[in-house]
Amino acid sequence: MDVIERSRRAAASLQRYLAPLEFTDWSAARVTAELTRQVVDWGVEHGWRVRREVPSIAGLPGPHPDRPGYLDVVCQRLDGPPIAIEIDRTDKQWSSRKLLCEADAGAIPVWVRWNDAKTWIVPDLIGVVRVPTTRRKTAGRLLYTRAAAEHTRRTPMTPPVPPVKEAVALQPAGPARPSAHCSAVTTKGEPCMIDPRPSGLCHVHDPAVQCGAINRKGRRCTIATGGGRCKRHQDVDGHGAGLFARPDTLL
């Protein structure tokens, strides 16, 4: 497989990976940082060794004669040549020339272009990933926004979930099993975790084992007694004390 085909396949794979990326009113530095992180994650998910700010594979000099040039991201692979990736917002032709030199040195060149994603004619050797965004100026700052592409990233190695109908059909016939906990909700809005009675409610929430007397506010007393009235209401209408009453109240 030649360099052109390899670079196009790598760019297409990375393009699909970046498709779900979306953001609103981000600065240029934040967008570049997030794109770099996503590119690194893409390489890691393929099982490659990924490094950032790597000295030029081709040995190109940097802006200063005594310093080497650097690549934004390099993915080193055991089953093929390394992938050299540059990430740019503006049309930096230096990046294009740098990637061509990396291709001559045996690397697979990929250029991630964001913002308007327009560029001059790109050599066929370089695979291009376009991440278009919109921008607006507010308070003297340029902010960038991107909507995610229509298709979403596919998660590999996800086991299929059986349909609900099939799962129900496999259940043995017979009466429904009672819930392991009370079906009521506590005053804090949390599920009651007490074991239920046959009614499905616990001894605290089941009206059958509550006091049930009407208090002065016209409300039903919900004190758990095990059946019968609580200490306060046991003599109101002739009912005896409940099972949960203290021994001294039964005297």
Protein backbone atom coordinates (compact mmCIF):
# COMPACT_ATOMS: atom_id res chain seq x y z
CA MET A 1 0.00 0.00 0.00
CA ASP A 2 1.48 3.36 -1.03
CA VAL A 3 1.77 6.50 1.10
CA ILE A 4 -1.19 8.24 -0.57
CA GLU A 5 -3.58 5.39 0.21
CA ARG A 6 -2.29 5.05 3.78
CA SER A 7 -2.63 8.78 4.47
CA ARG A 8 -6.17 8.89 3.06
CA ARG A 9 -7.26 5.90 5.13
CA ALA A 10 -5.74 7.37 8.29
CA ALA A 11 -7.39 10.73 7.62
CA ALA A 12 -10.78 9.11 6.97
CA SER A 13 -10.55 7.15 10.22
CA LEU A 14 -9.62 10.25 12.21
CA GLN A 15 -12.38 12.24 10.48
CA ARG A 16 -14.98 9.72 11.69
CA TYR A 17 -13.53 9.78 15.19
CA LEU A 18 -13.79 13.58 15.41
CA ALA A 19 -17.33 13.68 13.98
CA PRO A 20 -19.15 13.77 17.38
CA LEU A 21 -17.02 16.66 18.65
CA GLU A 22 -19.09 19.77 19.42
CA PHE A 23 -18.52 22.93 21.43
CA THR A 24 -19.86 26.46 21.81
CA ASP A 25 -17.93 29.71 22.17
CA TRP A 26 -14.50 28.21 22.76
CA SER A 27 -11.24 30.11 22.37
CA ALA A 28 -8.77 29.07 19.67
CA ALA A 29 -6.35 27.71 22.27
CA ARG A 30 -9.06 25.57 23.85
CA VAL A 31 -10.18 24.16 20.50
CA THR A 32 -6.61 23.25 19.52
CA ALA A 33 -6.00 21.63 22.90
CA GLU A 34 -9.19 19.55 22.64
CA LEU A 35 -8.41 18.48 19.08
CA THR A 36 -4.94 17.42 20.18
CA ARG A 37 -6.42 15.39 23.03
CA GLN A 38 -8.91 13.73 20.67
CA VAL A 39 -6.15 12.85 18.21
CA VAL A 40 -4.11 11.29 21.01
CA ASP A 41 -7.17 9.28 22.15
CA TRP A 42 -7.73 8.10 18.58
CA GLY A 43 -4.20 6.73 18.40
CA VAL A 44 -4.39 5.13 21.85
CA GLU A 45 -7.66 3.37 20.98
CA HIS A 46 -5.85 1.81 17.99
CA GLY A 47 -3.19 0.44 20.34
CA TRP A 48 -0.42 2.68 19.08
CA ARG A 49 2.25 4.49 21.05
CA VAL A 50 1.30 8.16 20.87
CA ARG A 51 3.57 11.11 21.64
CA ARG A 52 3.06 14.86 21.48
CA GLU A 53 5.54 17.54 20.42
CA VAL A 54 7.93 15.05 18.86
CA PRO A 55 11.13 16.17 17.08
CA SER A 56 10.84 15.95 13.32
CA ILE A 57 11.34 12.44 11.99
CA ALA A 58 12.95 13.95 8.91
CA GLY A 59 15.31 16.01 11.06
CA LEU A 60 13.90 19.36 9.94
CA PRO A 61 15.13 22.48 11.74
CA GLY A 62 12.71 24.64 13.70
CA PRO A 63 12.24 28.41 13.66
CA HIS A 64 15.67 28.75 15.26
CA PRO A 65 18.66 27.13 13.54
CA ASP A 66 19.86 25.53 16.78
CA ARG A 67 16.51 23.89 17.56
CA PRO A 68 14.83 21.01 15.74
CA GLY A 69 11.35 21.22 14.28
CA TYR A 70 8.54 19.49 16.10
CA LEU A 71 5.42 17.55 15.09
CA ASP A 72 2.18 18.02 17.01
CA VAL A 73 1.41 14.30 17.35
CA VAL A 74 3.16 11.12 16.22
CA CYS A 75 1.58 7.65 16.36
CA GLN A 76 4.19 4.91 16.31
CA ARG A 77 2.87 1.57 15.07
CA LEU A 78 4.27 -1.95 15.10
CA ASP A 79 2.40 -2.95 11.95
CA GLY A 80 3.29 0.01 9.77
CA PRO A 81 5.14 3.31 9.44
CA PRO A 82 4.50 6.09 11.97
CA ILE A 83 1.72 8.63 11.42
CA ALA A 84 2.83 12.26 11.62
CA ILE A 85 0.00 14.69 12.42
CA GLU A 86 -0.12 18.46 12.36
CA ILE A 87 -3.07 20.47 13.79
CA ASP A 88 -3.66 24.00 12.51
CA ARG A 89 -6.31 26.72 12.54
CA THR A 90 -4.72 28.90 9.90
CA ASP A 91 -3.34 27.98 6.49
CA LYS A 92 0.24 27.32 7.56
CA GLN A 93 2.05 26.21 4.45
CA TRP A 94 5.06 25.42 6.61
CA SER A 95 3.00 22.54 8.04
CA SER A 96 2.34 21.29 4.51
CA ARG A 97 6.01 21.38 3.58
CA LYS A 98 6.96 19.78 6.89
CA LEU A 99 4.53 16.91 6.34
CA LEU A 100 5.88 16.35 2.82
CA CYS A 101 9.36 16.00 4.27
CA GLU A 102 8.01 13.54 6.86
CA ALA A 103 6.46 11.51 4.03
CA ASP A 104 9.82 11.41 2.26
CA ALA A 105 11.29 10.09 5.52
CA GLY A 106 8.78 7.21 5.56
CA ALA A 107 5.98 8.61 7.77
CA ILE A 108 2.25 8.80 6.94
CA PRO A 109 1.34 12.52 6.88
CA VAL A 110 -2.03 13.74 8.17
CA TRP A 111 -3.07 17.40 8.45
CA VAL A 112 -5.96 18.33 10.78
CA ARG A 113 -7.42 21.66 9.64
CA TRP A 114 -10.08 23.46 11.69
CA ASN A 115 -11.85 26.84 11.62
CA ASP A 116 -13.10 27.37 8.06
CA ALA A 117 -11.00 24.33 7.06
CA LYS A 118 -10.21 25.89 3.69
CA THR A 119 -6.67 25.63 2.48
CA TRP A 120 -4.54 25.99 -0.59
CA ILE A 121 -3.94 23.01 -2.81
CA VAL A 122 -2.71 20.18 -0.59
CA PRO A 123 -0.31 17.62 -2.10
CA ASP A 124 -1.82 14.18 -2.64
CA LEU A 125 0.64 12.64 -0.22
CA ILE A 126 -1.03 14.43 2.72
CA GLY A 127 -4.31 13.17 4.19
CA VAL A 128 -6.51 16.09 5.27
CA VAL A 129 -9.01 16.03 8.16
CA ARG A 130 -11.37 19.01 8.02
CA VAL A 131 -13.07 20.26 11.19
CA PRO A 132 -15.19 23.25 10.12
CA THR A 133 -16.36 25.70 12.76
CA THR A 134 -18.19 29.01 12.94
CA ARG A 135 -16.87 32.02 14.78
CA ARG A 136 -18.04 35.26 16.31
CA LYS A 137 -16.32 38.21 17.86
CA THR A 138 -17.36 39.39 21.31
CA ALA A 139 -15.56 41.78 23.64
CA GLY A 140 -12.61 41.76 21.27
CA ARG A 141 -12.26 37.95 21.37
CA LEU A 142 -12.87 35.39 18.64
CA LEU A 143 -14.97 32.47 19.86
CA TYR A 144 -15.55 29.27 17.89
CA THR A 145 -18.54 26.92 17.74
CA ARG A 146 -18.97 23.51 16.14
CA ALA A 147 -22.02 21.26 15.84
CA ALA A 148 -21.45 17.50 15.88
CA ALA A 149 -21.81 15.59 12.64
CA GLU A 150 -24.99 13.60 12.03
CA HIS A 151 -23.36 10.20 12.57
CA THR A 152 -21.89 9.28 15.93
CA ARG A 153 -18.76 7.38 16.80
CA ARG A 154 -19.23 3.64 17.02
CA THR A 155 -18.06 2.04 20.25
CA PRO A 156 -16.17 -1.20 19.48
CA MET A 157 -16.58 -4.49 21.30
CA THR A 158 -19.98 -3.61 22.79
CA PRO A 159 -22.02 -6.76 23.56
CA PRO A 160 -25.55 -6.69 22.14
CA VAL A 161 -28.42 -6.16 24.56
CA PRO A 162 -31.16 -8.82 24.26
CA PRO A 163 -34.62 -7.52 23.39
CA VAL A 164 -36.98 -7.05 26.31
CA LYS A 165 -39.59 -9.41 24.84
CA GLU A 166 -37.11 -12.26 24.64
CA ALA A 167 -35.97 -11.70 28.21
CA VAL A 168 -39.59 -11.80 29.43
CA ALA A 169 -40.31 -14.97 27.47
CA LEU A 170 -37.47 -16.77 29.27
CA GLN A 171 -38.93 -16.05 32.69
CA PRO A 172 -40.80 -18.99 34.28
CA ALA A 173 -44.53 -18.71 34.52
CA GLY A 174 -46.09 -18.19 37.91
CA PRO A 175 -47.03 -15.47 40.37
CA ALA A 176 -44.88 -12.38 40.44
CA ARG A 177 -42.17 -12.37 43.05
CA PRO A 178 -42.64 -9.76 45.77
CA SER A 179 -40.20 -6.90 45.89
CA ALA A 180 -37.22 -7.30 48.20
CA HIS A 181 -37.93 -3.91 49.78
CA CYS A 182 -40.89 -1.78 50.76
CA SER A 183 -42.48 0.00 47.82
CA ALA A 184 -43.02 3.25 49.74
CA VAL A 185 -40.85 6.36 49.65
CA THR A 186 -39.38 7.97 52.76
CA THR A 187 -39.96 11.59 53.80
CA LYS A 188 -36.57 12.38 52.22
CA GLY A 189 -37.81 11.11 48.87
CA GLU A 190 -35.66 7.98 48.93
CA PRO A 191 -36.84 4.36 48.48
CA CYS A 192 -37.64 2.59 51.75
CA MET A 193 -35.21 -0.30 52.24
CA ILE A 194 -37.17 -2.15 54.98
CA ASP A 195 -38.40 -5.67 54.23
CA PRO A 196 -42.03 -5.59 53.07
CA ARG A 197 -45.11 -7.27 54.51
CA PRO A 198 -47.43 -9.30 52.21
CA SER A 199 -49.04 -6.00 51.21
CA GLY A 200 -45.74 -4.84 49.69
CA LEU A 201 -45.31 -2.17 52.38
CA CYS A 202 -43.17 -2.39 55.50
CA HIS A 203 -44.44 -2.22 59.09
CA VAL A 204 -43.79 1.52 59.09
CA HIS A 205 -45.68 2.44 55.92
CA ASP A 206 -48.48 -0.13 55.86
CA PRO A 207 -51.74 1.62 56.95
CA ALA A 208 -53.03 -1.70 58.34
CA VAL A 209 -50.45 -1.60 61.14
CA GLN A 210 -50.53 2.14 61.80
CA CYS A 211 -52.48 3.97 64.49
CA GLY A 212 -55.01 5.39 62.06
CA ALA A 213 -56.68 7.76 64.51
CA ILE A 214 -57.62 11.27 63.37
CA ASN A 215 -55.62 13.94 65.15
CA ARG A 216 -56.62 17.49 66.03
CA LYS A 217 -55.58 18.75 62.58
CA GLY A 218 -57.91 16.30 60.93
CA ARG A 219 -55.07 14.14 59.66
CA ARG A 220 -54.62 10.44 60.03
CA CYS A 221 -52.02 9.34 62.59
CA THR A 222 -49.38 7.27 60.84
CA ILE A 223 -47.42 6.07 63.87
CA ALA A 224 -46.49 2.40 63.41
CA THR A 225 -48.14 0.34 66.16
CA GLY A 226 -48.48 -3.14 64.65
CA GLY A 227 -52.27 -2.67 64.77
CA GLY A 228 -54.32 -0.57 67.18
CA ARG A 229 -53.85 2.93 68.51
CA CYS A 230 -50.69 4.65 69.60
CA LYS A 231 -50.17 5.76 73.22
CA ARG A 232 -51.69 9.17 72.54
CA HIS A 233 -54.84 7.88 70.83
CA GLN A 234 -55.46 4.51 72.48
CA ASP A 235 -58.19 5.90 74.79
CA VAL A 236 -59.81 8.28 72.30
CA ASP A 237 -62.25 5.82 70.77
CA GLY A 238 -61.86 2.76 72.98
CA HIS A 239 -59.21 0.99 70.89
CA GLY A 240 -56.38 -0.74 72.67
CA ALA A 241 -52.68 -0.18 72.26
CA GLY A 242 -50.88 -1.57 69.26
CA LEU A 243 -48.31 -4.36 69.19
CA PHE A 244 -45.43 -1.89 68.95
CA ALA A 245 -46.45 0.03 72.08
CA ARG A 246 -43.97 0.07 74.96
CA PRO A 247 -44.69 -2.30 77.85
CA ASP A 248 -45.57 0.56 80.20
CA THR A 249 -48.37 1.68 77.91
CA LEU A 250 -50.02 -1.72 78.14
CA LEU A 251 -50.43 -1.55 81.91
